[in-house]
Amino acid sequence: MKRPGLHIVDDDPDVRDGLAWLFDSRDYTPTTWDGGAPFLDALRQRTGAWEASVVLMDLRMAPLSGLATFEQLKLLRCPWPVLFLTGHGDVSMAVAAVKNGAWDFLEKPFQDNELVDRVAQALVAASAVQDDDAEAKRLRQALAVLSPREREVLDELIRGHYNKTIAEHLGITARTVEFHRANIFEKMGVSSAIELAHKLGRLQPMGSQ
């Protein structure tokens, strides 16, 4: 089984190495970075999909602070949850970061088990987002291969229309509607119109597809 990923960004080598040891002992695969700049540089070189991972980052770093690094991560559309480690004097900044999209923060000194639990929760959330993104991508690809007539039938289906009504609206036979309906279900990987509507509801606006 693949070990979960974790990126530790901290300019304090003792803290960084200690965290790496902790998470390595808990079956994670930690990657350490001695600052925000090298971490961001590595991410800019990435190609392909983002695997599920979590970023554990010190808030107070130099020359690039944790907050500045976080803002750059957002510009890179990095989907990884960011959990800040902060000192007592930085709590208000950490709270502001959470309000601005960071996953969570933990105030120093922290309990190892609490930190590991927070990271595990963030990883579960990251995996869920990754699964949702993969499903959305599959659905968009399926939509792209529908024929123009199938797309017309699809539009009628998600409005809740029956085969007879669809046939009347499109000027085709009910049997032809059934044929297109079966093809749509197969391509979209669904077994009912309700399931189809539910899945497509996550891809709004459909008109942009």
N, C-alpha and C. Protein backbone atom coordinates (compact mmCIF):
# COMPACT_ATOMS: atom_id res chain seq x y z
N MET A 1 0.84 -1.20 0.00
CA MET A 1 0.00 0.00 0.00
C MET A 1 0.87 1.25 0.00
N LYS A 2 0.54 2.22 -0.87
CA LYS A 2 1.35 3.43 -0.97
C LYS A 2 1.20 4.28 0.29
N ARG A 3 2.33 4.75 0.81
CA ARG A 3 2.28 5.57 2.01
C ARG A 3 1.84 6.99 1.64
N PRO A 4 1.04 7.60 2.49
CA PRO A 4 0.55 8.95 2.18
C PRO A 4 1.67 9.97 2.16
N GLY A 5 1.52 10.97 1.29
CA GLY A 5 2.54 12.00 1.14
C GLY A 5 2.34 13.14 2.11
N LEU A 6 3.44 13.81 2.42
CA LEU A 6 3.40 14.95 3.32
C LEU A 6 4.59 15.85 2.99
N HIS A 7 4.34 17.14 2.85
CA HIS A 7 5.41 18.10 2.61
C HIS A 7 5.58 18.96 3.86
N ILE A 8 6.78 18.92 4.40
CA ILE A 8 7.11 19.68 5.61
C ILE A 8 7.97 20.87 5.19
N VAL A 9 7.46 22.09 5.44
CA VAL A 9 8.17 23.30 5.04
C VAL A 9 8.48 24.09 6.30
N ASP A 10 9.75 24.12 6.67
CA ASP A 10 10.16 24.80 7.90
C ASP A 10 11.64 25.15 7.79
N ASP A 11 11.98 26.39 8.12
CA ASP A 11 13.39 26.80 8.00
C ASP A 11 14.22 26.42 9.22
N ASP A 12 13.62 25.81 10.22
CA ASP A 12 14.36 25.33 11.40
C ASP A 12 14.70 23.86 11.19
N PRO A 13 16.00 23.54 11.02
CA PRO A 13 16.36 22.15 10.70
C PRO A 13 15.98 21.17 11.79
N ASP A 14 16.04 21.59 13.06
CA ASP A 14 15.69 20.67 14.14
C ASP A 14 14.21 20.32 14.10
N VAL A 15 13.38 21.34 13.92
CA VAL A 15 11.93 21.10 13.83
C VAL A 15 11.62 20.26 12.60
N ARG A 16 12.23 20.63 11.50
CA ARG A 16 11.98 19.93 10.23
C ARG A 16 12.33 18.44 10.34
N ASP A 17 13.52 18.17 10.87
CA ASP A 17 13.95 16.77 10.98
C ASP A 17 13.10 16.01 12.00
N GLY A 18 12.73 16.69 13.07
CA GLY A 18 11.89 16.03 14.07
C GLY A 18 10.53 15.65 13.51
N LEU A 19 9.95 16.55 12.74
CA LEU A 19 8.65 16.26 12.12
C LEU A 19 8.77 15.13 11.10
N ALA A 20 9.86 15.17 10.33
CA ALA A 20 10.06 14.11 9.33
C ALA A 20 10.18 12.75 10.02
N TRP A 21 10.91 12.71 11.12
CA TRP A 21 11.05 11.44 11.86
C TRP A 21 9.71 10.99 12.39
N LEU A 22 8.94 11.92 12.96
CA LEU A 22 7.64 11.59 13.53
C LEU A 22 6.73 10.97 12.48
N PHE A 23 6.63 11.62 11.33
CA PHE A 23 5.68 11.14 10.32
C PHE A 23 6.20 9.91 9.58
N ASP A 24 7.50 9.80 9.47
CA ASP A 24 8.05 8.58 8.88
C ASP A 24 7.71 7.39 9.77
N SER A 25 7.75 7.60 11.08
CA SER A 25 7.42 6.51 12.02
C SER A 25 5.94 6.19 12.01
N ARG A 26 5.11 7.08 11.44
CA ARG A 26 3.66 6.84 11.35
C ARG A 26 3.25 6.46 9.94
N ASP A 27 4.21 5.93 9.17
CA ASP A 27 3.93 5.39 7.83
C ASP A 27 3.58 6.43 6.78
N TYR A 28 4.04 7.65 6.97
CA TYR A 28 3.93 8.67 5.93
C TYR A 28 5.23 8.69 5.13
N THR A 29 5.19 9.38 3.99
CA THR A 29 6.40 9.60 3.20
C THR A 29 6.67 11.10 3.20
N PRO A 30 7.33 11.61 4.24
CA PRO A 30 7.54 13.06 4.33
C PRO A 30 8.64 13.54 3.39
N THR A 31 8.40 14.69 2.79
CA THR A 31 9.43 15.38 2.00
C THR A 31 9.66 16.72 2.69
N THR A 32 10.92 17.04 2.97
CA THR A 32 11.21 18.25 3.72
C THR A 32 11.75 19.35 2.82
N TRP A 33 11.42 20.59 3.20
CA TRP A 33 11.86 21.77 2.48
C TRP A 33 12.32 22.81 3.50
N ASP A 34 13.46 23.45 3.24
CA ASP A 34 14.00 24.39 4.23
C ASP A 34 13.48 25.81 4.03
N GLY A 35 12.44 25.96 3.23
CA GLY A 35 11.84 27.27 3.04
C GLY A 35 10.76 27.23 1.98
N GLY A 36 9.99 28.31 1.90
CA GLY A 36 8.92 28.36 0.93
C GLY A 36 9.40 28.42 -0.51
N ALA A 37 10.52 29.14 -0.73
CA ALA A 37 11.00 29.33 -2.11
C ALA A 37 11.36 28.01 -2.79
N PRO A 38 12.20 27.14 -2.18
CA PRO A 38 12.52 25.88 -2.85
C PRO A 38 11.30 24.98 -3.02
N PHE A 39 10.40 25.04 -2.07
CA PHE A 39 9.16 24.25 -2.18
C PHE A 39 8.36 24.70 -3.40
N LEU A 40 8.18 26.00 -3.53
CA LEU A 40 7.42 26.53 -4.67
C LEU A 40 8.14 26.25 -5.99
N ASP A 41 9.45 26.38 -5.98
CA ASP A 41 10.22 26.09 -7.22
C ASP A 41 9.98 24.66 -7.68
N ALA A 42 9.96 23.73 -6.71
CA ALA A 42 9.74 22.32 -7.06
C ALA A 42 8.33 22.12 -7.62
N LEU A 43 7.37 22.79 -7.03
CA LEU A 43 5.99 22.64 -7.50
C LEU A 43 5.82 23.20 -8.90
N ARG A 44 6.54 24.28 -9.20
CA ARG A 44 6.43 24.87 -10.54
C ARG A 44 6.96 23.93 -11.62
N GLN A 45 7.79 22.98 -11.23
CA GLN A 45 8.35 22.03 -12.18
C GLN A 45 7.45 20.81 -12.38
N ARG A 46 6.38 20.75 -11.59
CA ARG A 46 5.51 19.59 -11.66
C ARG A 46 4.75 19.53 -12.97
N THR A 47 4.50 18.30 -13.41
CA THR A 47 3.61 18.09 -14.56
C THR A 47 2.65 16.96 -14.17
N GLY A 48 1.51 16.96 -14.78
CA GLY A 48 0.55 15.90 -14.50
C GLY A 48 -0.31 16.20 -13.29
N ALA A 49 -1.01 15.16 -12.82
CA ALA A 49 -2.00 15.33 -11.75
C ALA A 49 -1.31 15.50 -10.39
N TRP A 50 -2.06 16.13 -9.48
CA TRP A 50 -1.60 16.29 -8.11
C TRP A 50 -2.02 15.05 -7.33
N GLU A 51 -1.08 14.32 -6.79
CA GLU A 51 -1.44 13.22 -5.91
C GLU A 51 -1.91 13.80 -4.57
N ALA A 52 -2.70 13.01 -3.84
CA ALA A 52 -3.18 13.49 -2.54
C ALA A 52 -2.02 13.66 -1.58
N SER A 53 -1.90 14.84 -0.99
CA SER A 53 -0.82 15.12 -0.06
C SER A 53 -1.24 16.27 0.84
N VAL A 54 -0.45 16.51 1.87
CA VAL A 54 -0.73 17.57 2.83
C VAL A 54 0.53 18.39 3.02
N VAL A 55 0.36 19.70 3.24
CA VAL A 55 1.49 20.59 3.50
C VAL A 55 1.46 21.00 4.97
N LEU A 56 2.56 20.75 5.65
CA LEU A 56 2.72 21.15 7.04
C LEU A 56 3.77 22.26 7.05
N MET A 57 3.35 23.48 7.36
CA MET A 57 4.24 24.63 7.11
C MET A 57 4.31 25.57 8.32
N ASP A 58 5.55 25.98 8.61
CA ASP A 58 5.73 26.97 9.66
C ASP A 58 5.25 28.33 9.17
N LEU A 59 4.59 29.04 10.05
CA LEU A 59 4.07 30.35 9.66
C LEU A 59 5.18 31.40 9.56
N ARG A 60 6.12 31.33 10.51
CA ARG A 60 7.16 32.37 10.57
C ARG A 60 8.45 31.83 9.96
N MET A 61 8.66 32.12 8.69
CA MET A 61 9.88 31.70 8.00
C MET A 61 10.49 32.92 7.31
N ALA A 62 11.78 32.81 6.99
CA ALA A 62 12.47 33.88 6.27
C ALA A 62 13.30 33.25 5.14
N PRO A 63 13.45 33.92 4.01
CA PRO A 63 12.91 35.25 3.70
C PRO A 63 11.43 35.21 3.26
N LEU A 64 10.94 34.06 2.85
CA LEU A 64 9.55 33.98 2.41
C LEU A 64 8.71 33.39 3.55
N SER A 65 7.76 34.15 4.03
CA SER A 65 6.95 33.69 5.17
C SER A 65 6.01 32.57 4.75
N GLY A 66 5.45 31.92 5.76
CA GLY A 66 4.47 30.88 5.48
C GLY A 66 3.25 31.43 4.76
N LEU A 67 2.80 32.61 5.17
CA LEU A 67 1.63 33.21 4.52
C LEU A 67 1.91 33.54 3.05
N ALA A 68 3.10 34.09 2.80
CA ALA A 68 3.46 34.42 1.41
C ALA A 68 3.56 33.15 0.57
N THR A 69 4.12 32.11 1.16
CA THR A 69 4.21 30.82 0.45
C THR A 69 2.81 30.29 0.16
N PHE A 70 1.93 30.41 1.13
CA PHE A 70 0.55 29.94 0.96
C PHE A 70 -0.15 30.68 -0.18
N GLU A 71 0.05 31.97 -0.26
CA GLU A 71 -0.57 32.75 -1.34
C GLU A 71 -0.06 32.28 -2.71
N GLN A 72 1.24 31.96 -2.77
CA GLN A 72 1.80 31.45 -4.03
C GLN A 72 1.22 30.07 -4.37
N LEU A 73 1.02 29.25 -3.35
CA LEU A 73 0.42 27.94 -3.58
C LEU A 73 -0.95 28.07 -4.21
N LYS A 74 -1.70 29.03 -3.73
CA LYS A 74 -3.05 29.23 -4.29
C LYS A 74 -2.97 29.67 -5.75
N LEU A 75 -1.99 30.52 -6.06
CA LEU A 75 -1.83 30.94 -7.45
C LEU A 75 -1.46 29.77 -8.36
N LEU A 76 -0.74 28.79 -7.78
CA LEU A 76 -0.38 27.59 -8.54
C LEU A 76 -1.53 26.59 -8.60
N ARG A 77 -2.65 26.94 -7.97
CA ARG A 77 -3.82 26.04 -7.89
C ARG A 77 -3.45 24.70 -7.25
N CYS A 78 -2.56 24.75 -6.30
CA CYS A 78 -2.19 23.54 -5.56
C CYS A 78 -3.37 23.13 -4.67
N PRO A 79 -3.85 21.89 -4.82
CA PRO A 79 -5.05 21.47 -4.07
C PRO A 79 -4.74 20.93 -2.68
N TRP A 80 -3.47 20.88 -2.30
CA TRP A 80 -3.11 20.24 -1.03
C TRP A 80 -3.56 21.09 0.16
N PRO A 81 -4.16 20.46 1.16
CA PRO A 81 -4.49 21.19 2.39
C PRO A 81 -3.21 21.68 3.07
N VAL A 82 -3.25 22.91 3.58
CA VAL A 82 -2.08 23.48 4.27
C VAL A 82 -2.42 23.64 5.75
N LEU A 83 -1.60 23.03 6.57
CA LEU A 83 -1.77 23.12 8.02
C LEU A 83 -0.57 23.91 8.56
N PHE A 84 -0.85 25.06 9.17
CA PHE A 84 0.22 25.92 9.67
C PHE A 84 0.61 25.53 11.10
N LEU A 85 1.90 25.63 11.37
CA LEU A 85 2.42 25.52 12.72
C LEU A 85 2.78 26.94 13.15
N THR A 86 2.28 27.35 14.29
CA THR A 86 2.44 28.74 14.66
C THR A 86 2.78 28.91 16.13
N GLY A 87 3.51 29.97 16.45
CA GLY A 87 3.77 30.33 17.83
C GLY A 87 2.62 31.13 18.39
N HIS A 88 2.65 31.35 19.69
CA HIS A 88 1.53 32.04 20.35
C HIS A 88 1.25 33.42 19.73
N GLY A 89 2.34 34.14 19.39
CA GLY A 89 2.16 35.48 18.85
C GLY A 89 1.63 35.52 17.44
N ASP A 90 1.55 34.35 16.80
CA ASP A 90 1.13 34.32 15.40
C ASP A 90 -0.28 33.76 15.23
N VAL A 91 -0.97 33.50 16.33
CA VAL A 91 -2.27 32.84 16.23
C VAL A 91 -3.25 33.64 15.38
N SER A 92 -3.28 34.95 15.60
CA SER A 92 -4.24 35.76 14.82
C SER A 92 -3.95 35.67 13.33
N MET A 93 -2.66 35.61 12.98
CA MET A 93 -2.30 35.45 11.57
C MET A 93 -2.74 34.08 11.05
N ALA A 94 -2.57 33.05 11.89
CA ALA A 94 -2.96 31.71 11.47
C ALA A 94 -4.47 31.63 11.27
N VAL A 95 -5.22 32.25 12.16
CA VAL A 95 -6.67 32.26 12.03
C VAL A 95 -7.07 32.94 10.71
N ALA A 96 -6.40 34.05 10.42
CA ALA A 96 -6.69 34.76 9.16
C ALA A 96 -6.38 33.87 7.96
N ALA A 97 -5.29 33.09 8.07
CA ALA A 97 -4.93 32.20 6.97
C ALA A 97 -5.99 31.14 6.75
N VAL A 98 -6.53 30.60 7.85
CA VAL A 98 -7.58 29.59 7.74
C VAL A 98 -8.82 30.19 7.07
N LYS A 99 -9.15 31.41 7.47
CA LYS A 99 -10.30 32.08 6.84
C LYS A 99 -10.05 32.32 5.35
N ASN A 100 -8.77 32.37 4.98
CA ASN A 100 -8.41 32.62 3.58
C ASN A 100 -8.15 31.33 2.81
N GLY A 101 -8.48 30.18 3.44
CA GLY A 101 -8.39 28.93 2.69
C GLY A 101 -7.45 27.88 3.22
N ALA A 102 -6.63 28.21 4.22
CA ALA A 102 -5.75 27.18 4.79
C ALA A 102 -6.62 26.15 5.53
N TRP A 103 -6.10 24.94 5.66
CA TRP A 103 -6.88 23.87 6.26
C TRP A 103 -7.05 24.08 7.76
N ASP A 104 -5.96 24.37 8.45
CA ASP A 104 -6.00 24.43 9.90
C ASP A 104 -4.68 25.00 10.40
N PHE A 105 -4.57 25.20 11.70
CA PHE A 105 -3.29 25.57 12.28
C PHE A 105 -3.16 24.90 13.64
N LEU A 106 -1.95 24.73 14.06
CA LEU A 106 -1.67 24.12 15.35
C LEU A 106 -0.64 24.97 16.07
N GLU A 107 -0.95 25.33 17.28
CA GLU A 107 -0.07 26.21 18.03
C GLU A 107 1.03 25.42 18.72
N LYS A 108 2.25 25.95 18.66
CA LYS A 108 3.39 25.33 19.33
C LYS A 108 3.36 25.66 20.82
N PRO A 109 3.81 24.77 21.71
CA PRO A 109 4.18 23.37 21.41
C PRO A 109 2.92 22.52 21.24
N PHE A 110 3.02 21.51 20.45
CA PHE A 110 1.85 20.69 20.18
C PHE A 110 2.14 19.23 20.56
N GLN A 111 1.08 18.49 20.77
CA GLN A 111 1.21 17.06 21.05
C GLN A 111 1.36 16.31 19.73
N ASP A 112 2.30 15.36 19.71
CA ASP A 112 2.55 14.62 18.47
C ASP A 112 1.27 13.95 17.95
N ASN A 113 0.54 13.30 18.84
CA ASN A 113 -0.66 12.59 18.37
C ASN A 113 -1.70 13.54 17.80
N GLU A 114 -1.81 14.72 18.42
CA GLU A 114 -2.77 15.69 17.91
C GLU A 114 -2.38 16.15 16.52
N LEU A 115 -1.08 16.40 16.33
CA LEU A 115 -0.61 16.83 15.02
C LEU A 115 -0.84 15.74 13.97
N VAL A 116 -0.52 14.51 14.31
CA VAL A 116 -0.70 13.41 13.36
C VAL A 116 -2.18 13.25 13.02
N ASP A 117 -3.05 13.38 14.01
CA ASP A 117 -4.49 13.27 13.76
C ASP A 117 -4.97 14.38 12.83
N ARG A 118 -4.48 15.61 13.04
CA ARG A 118 -4.91 16.72 12.18
C ARG A 118 -4.46 16.48 10.73
N VAL A 119 -3.24 16.01 10.58
CA VAL A 119 -2.73 15.74 9.23
C VAL A 119 -3.53 14.62 8.58
N ALA A 120 -3.86 13.59 9.36
CA ALA A 120 -4.66 12.48 8.81
C ALA A 120 -6.01 12.98 8.34
N GLN A 121 -6.63 13.86 9.11
CA GLN A 121 -7.93 14.42 8.72
C GLN A 121 -7.80 15.23 7.43
N ALA A 122 -6.74 15.98 7.34
CA ALA A 122 -6.53 16.79 6.13
C ALA A 122 -6.29 15.90 4.92
N LEU A 123 -5.58 14.80 5.14
CA LEU A 123 -5.31 13.89 4.03
C LEU A 123 -6.59 13.22 3.53
N VAL A 124 -7.47 12.87 4.44
CA VAL A 124 -8.76 12.31 4.04
C VAL A 124 -9.52 13.31 3.16
N ALA A 125 -9.49 14.58 3.60
CA ALA A 125 -10.17 15.63 2.82
C ALA A 125 -9.52 15.78 1.45
N ALA A 126 -8.19 15.74 1.41
CA ALA A 126 -7.47 15.88 0.14
C ALA A 126 -7.80 14.72 -0.80
N SER A 127 -7.91 13.52 -0.25
CA SER A 127 -8.23 12.35 -1.07
C SER A 127 -9.64 12.47 -1.64
N ALA A 128 -10.56 13.00 -0.82
CA ALA A 128 -11.93 13.17 -1.28
C ALA A 128 -12.00 14.17 -2.43
N VAL A 129 -11.25 15.26 -2.29
CA VAL A 129 -11.20 16.26 -3.35
C VAL A 129 -10.62 15.66 -4.63
N GLN A 130 -9.57 14.86 -4.46
CA GLN A 130 -8.94 14.23 -5.62
C GLN A 130 -9.91 13.28 -6.32
N ASP A 131 -10.67 12.50 -5.53
CA ASP A 131 -11.65 11.59 -6.12
C ASP A 131 -12.74 12.37 -6.87
N ASP A 132 -13.19 13.46 -6.27
CA ASP A 132 -14.22 14.28 -6.91
C ASP A 132 -13.70 14.88 -8.22
N ASP A 133 -12.46 15.33 -8.21
CA ASP A 133 -11.87 15.91 -9.42
C ASP A 133 -11.75 14.87 -10.52
N ALA A 134 -11.35 13.64 -10.14
CA ALA A 134 -11.20 12.57 -11.12
C ALA A 134 -12.55 12.22 -11.73
N GLU A 135 -13.58 12.17 -10.89
CA GLU A 135 -14.92 11.85 -11.40
C GLU A 135 -15.43 12.97 -12.31
N ALA A 136 -15.17 14.21 -11.93
CA ALA A 136 -15.60 15.34 -12.77
C ALA A 136 -14.89 15.29 -14.12
N LYS A 137 -13.62 14.95 -14.11
CA LYS A 137 -12.86 14.85 -15.37
C LYS A 137 -13.44 13.74 -16.25
N ARG A 138 -13.78 12.59 -15.63
CA ARG A 138 -14.34 11.47 -16.40
C ARG A 138 -15.68 11.88 -17.01
N LEU A 139 -16.51 12.56 -16.24
CA LEU A 139 -17.81 12.98 -16.75
C LEU A 139 -17.67 13.97 -17.90
N ARG A 140 -16.74 14.90 -17.78
CA ARG A 140 -16.55 15.88 -18.86
C ARG A 140 -16.07 15.19 -20.13
N GLN A 141 -15.20 14.18 -19.97
CA GLN A 141 -14.73 13.43 -21.14
C GLN A 141 -15.89 12.66 -21.76
N ALA A 142 -16.76 12.10 -20.92
CA ALA A 142 -17.92 11.36 -21.43
C ALA A 142 -18.86 12.30 -22.17
N LEU A 143 -19.09 13.48 -21.62
CA LEU A 143 -19.95 14.47 -22.29
C LEU A 143 -19.40 14.85 -23.66
N ALA A 144 -18.08 14.94 -23.74
CA ALA A 144 -17.45 15.39 -24.98
C ALA A 144 -17.63 14.41 -26.14
N VAL A 145 -17.88 13.14 -25.81
CA VAL A 145 -18.00 12.15 -26.88
C VAL A 145 -19.47 11.85 -27.22
N LEU A 146 -20.41 12.53 -26.57
CA LEU A 146 -21.81 12.36 -26.96
C LEU A 146 -22.05 12.99 -28.33
N SER A 147 -22.88 12.35 -29.12
CA SER A 147 -23.23 12.91 -30.42
C SER A 147 -24.17 14.09 -30.21
N PRO A 148 -24.33 14.95 -31.23
CA PRO A 148 -25.25 16.09 -31.08
C PRO A 148 -26.66 15.65 -30.69
N ARG A 149 -27.16 14.56 -31.29
CA ARG A 149 -28.50 14.09 -30.95
C ARG A 149 -28.54 13.56 -29.52
N GLU A 150 -27.48 12.83 -29.12
CA GLU A 150 -27.43 12.33 -27.74
C GLU A 150 -27.43 13.50 -26.75
N ARG A 151 -26.76 14.56 -27.12
CA ARG A 151 -26.72 15.72 -26.23
C ARG A 151 -28.12 16.36 -26.11
N GLU A 152 -28.85 16.37 -27.23
CA GLU A 152 -30.22 16.90 -27.17
C GLU A 152 -31.09 16.04 -26.26
N VAL A 153 -30.96 14.71 -26.42
CA VAL A 153 -31.74 13.80 -25.58
C VAL A 153 -31.32 13.96 -24.11
N LEU A 154 -30.03 14.13 -23.89
CA LEU A 154 -29.53 14.33 -22.52
C LEU A 154 -30.17 15.57 -21.89
N ASP A 155 -30.20 16.65 -22.64
CA ASP A 155 -30.79 17.89 -22.11
C ASP A 155 -32.24 17.68 -21.71
N GLU A 156 -32.95 16.88 -22.50
CA GLU A 156 -34.35 16.60 -22.17
C GLU A 156 -34.44 15.70 -20.93
N LEU A 157 -33.57 14.72 -20.85
CA LEU A 157 -33.59 13.79 -19.72
C LEU A 157 -33.39 14.50 -18.40
N ILE A 158 -32.42 15.40 -18.37
CA ILE A 158 -32.12 16.04 -17.09
C ILE A 158 -33.17 17.09 -16.72
N ARG A 159 -34.08 17.38 -17.67
CA ARG A 159 -35.23 18.23 -17.33
C ARG A 159 -36.38 17.39 -16.77
N GLY A 160 -36.17 16.06 -16.76
CA GLY A 160 -37.17 15.16 -16.19
C GLY A 160 -38.23 14.72 -17.16
N HIS A 161 -37.98 14.91 -18.46
CA HIS A 161 -38.99 14.54 -19.46
C HIS A 161 -38.97 13.04 -19.74
N TYR A 162 -40.15 12.49 -20.03
CA TYR A 162 -40.27 11.08 -20.39
C TYR A 162 -39.93 10.89 -21.87
N ASN A 163 -39.72 9.61 -22.23
CA ASN A 163 -39.32 9.30 -23.60
C ASN A 163 -40.32 9.84 -24.62
N LYS A 164 -41.62 9.69 -24.31
CA LYS A 164 -42.64 10.13 -25.27
C LYS A 164 -42.54 11.64 -25.49
N THR A 165 -42.36 12.37 -24.39
CA THR A 165 -42.26 13.83 -24.49
C THR A 165 -41.00 14.24 -25.26
N ILE A 166 -39.91 13.56 -24.97
CA ILE A 166 -38.65 13.86 -25.66
C ILE A 166 -38.81 13.61 -27.16
N ALA A 167 -39.47 12.50 -27.47
CA ALA A 167 -39.68 12.17 -28.89
C ALA A 167 -40.48 13.27 -29.58
N GLU A 168 -41.50 13.76 -28.91
CA GLU A 168 -42.32 14.83 -29.50
C GLU A 168 -41.50 16.11 -29.67
N HIS A 169 -40.72 16.45 -28.65
CA HIS A 169 -39.93 17.69 -28.73
C HIS A 169 -38.88 17.63 -29.84
N LEU A 170 -38.30 16.46 -30.04
CA LEU A 170 -37.19 16.34 -31.00
C LEU A 170 -37.64 15.83 -32.37
N GLY A 171 -38.91 15.44 -32.47
CA GLY A 171 -39.41 14.97 -33.76
C GLY A 171 -38.84 13.62 -34.16
N ILE A 172 -38.63 12.74 -33.16
CA ILE A 172 -38.13 11.40 -33.43
C ILE A 172 -39.04 10.40 -32.73
N THR A 173 -38.82 9.12 -33.00
CA THR A 173 -39.67 8.11 -32.37
C THR A 173 -39.21 7.83 -30.94
N ALA A 174 -40.14 7.30 -30.15
CA ALA A 174 -39.79 6.92 -28.77
C ALA A 174 -38.72 5.84 -28.75
N ARG A 175 -38.77 4.96 -29.72
CA ARG A 175 -37.76 3.89 -29.80
C ARG A 175 -36.37 4.48 -30.04
N THR A 176 -36.33 5.52 -30.88
CA THR A 176 -35.03 6.17 -31.13
C THR A 176 -34.53 6.86 -29.86
N VAL A 177 -35.46 7.44 -29.11
CA VAL A 177 -35.08 8.06 -27.83
C VAL A 177 -34.49 7.00 -26.90
N GLU A 178 -35.12 5.84 -26.85
CA GLU A 178 -34.63 4.75 -26.00
C GLU A 178 -33.22 4.34 -26.41
N PHE A 179 -33.01 4.29 -27.72
CA PHE A 179 -31.68 3.92 -28.23
C PHE A 179 -30.63 4.93 -27.76
N HIS A 180 -30.93 6.23 -27.93
CA HIS A 180 -29.97 7.26 -27.52
C HIS A 180 -29.80 7.28 -25.99
N ARG A 181 -30.90 7.05 -25.30
CA ARG A 181 -30.85 7.03 -23.84
C ARG A 181 -29.90 5.93 -23.33
N ALA A 182 -30.00 4.76 -23.95
CA ALA A 182 -29.11 3.65 -23.54
C ALA A 182 -27.65 4.00 -23.81
N ASN A 183 -27.39 4.62 -24.96
CA ASN A 183 -26.02 5.02 -25.29
C ASN A 183 -25.49 6.05 -24.29
N ILE A 184 -26.35 7.00 -23.94
CA ILE A 184 -25.94 8.04 -22.98
C ILE A 184 -25.58 7.42 -21.64
N PHE A 185 -26.44 6.53 -21.18
CA PHE A 185 -26.19 5.90 -19.88
C PHE A 185 -24.87 5.12 -19.90
N GLU A 186 -24.64 4.41 -20.99
CA GLU A 186 -23.40 3.63 -21.09
C GLU A 186 -22.18 4.54 -21.09
N LYS A 187 -22.23 5.61 -21.89
CA LYS A 187 -21.07 6.51 -21.97
C LYS A 187 -20.83 7.26 -20.66
N MET A 188 -21.92 7.61 -19.98
CA MET A 188 -21.78 8.37 -18.75
C MET A 188 -21.55 7.47 -17.53
N GLY A 189 -21.72 6.15 -17.70
CA GLY A 189 -21.48 5.24 -16.59
C GLY A 189 -22.55 5.33 -15.51
N VAL A 190 -23.80 5.49 -15.92
CA VAL A 190 -24.91 5.58 -14.96
C VAL A 190 -25.97 4.55 -15.34
N SER A 191 -26.89 4.29 -14.41
CA SER A 191 -27.94 3.31 -14.66
C SER A 191 -29.33 3.91 -14.61
N SER A 192 -29.44 5.21 -14.32
CA SER A 192 -30.76 5.83 -14.25
C SER A 192 -30.65 7.32 -14.55
N ALA A 193 -31.79 7.91 -14.91
CA ALA A 193 -31.81 9.35 -15.18
C ALA A 193 -31.54 10.15 -13.91
N ILE A 194 -31.99 9.61 -12.78
CA ILE A 194 -31.76 10.31 -11.51
C ILE A 194 -30.27 10.35 -11.19
N GLU A 195 -29.60 9.22 -11.38
CA GLU A 195 -28.15 9.18 -11.13
C GLU A 195 -27.43 10.12 -12.09
N LEU A 196 -27.92 10.14 -13.34
CA LEU A 196 -27.31 11.02 -14.34
C LEU A 196 -27.44 12.49 -13.92
N ALA A 197 -28.65 12.88 -13.49
CA ALA A 197 -28.87 14.27 -13.09
C ALA A 197 -28.03 14.63 -11.86
N HIS A 198 -27.91 13.67 -10.95
CA HIS A 198 -27.13 13.90 -9.74
C HIS A 198 -25.66 14.16 -10.07
N LYS A 199 -25.12 13.34 -10.96
CA LYS A 199 -23.70 13.50 -11.32
C LYS A 199 -23.47 14.79 -12.09
N LEU A 200 -24.37 15.09 -13.03
CA LEU A 200 -24.17 16.29 -13.84
C LEU A 200 -24.40 17.56 -13.04
N GLY A 201 -25.15 17.44 -11.96
CA GLY A 201 -25.37 18.60 -11.10
C GLY A 201 -24.09 19.16 -10.52
N ARG A 202 -23.05 18.32 -10.50
CA ARG A 202 -21.76 18.76 -9.97
C ARG A 202 -20.91 19.46 -11.03
N LEU A 203 -21.40 19.47 -12.26
CA LEU A 203 -20.61 20.03 -13.36
C LEU A 203 -21.18 21.34 -13.87
N GLN A 204 -21.96 22.02 -13.08
CA GLN A 204 -22.55 23.28 -13.52
C GLN A 204 -21.48 24.33 -13.79
N PRO A 205 -21.65 25.24 -14.76
CA PRO A 205 -22.78 25.24 -15.66
C PRO A 205 -22.57 24.27 -16.81
N MET A 206 -23.60 23.46 -17.13
CA MET A 206 -23.45 22.48 -18.20
C MET A 206 -23.26 23.12 -19.54
N GLY A 207 -23.78 24.32 -19.72
CA GLY A 207 -23.67 24.98 -21.01
C GLY A 207 -22.25 25.27 -21.40
N SER A 208 -21.34 25.27 -20.42
CA SER A 208 -19.93 25.54 -20.72
C SER A 208 -19.22 24.30 -21.19
N GLN A 209 -19.86 23.07 -21.06
CA GLN A 209 -19.21 21.84 -21.45
C GLN A 209 -19.20 21.68 -22.95
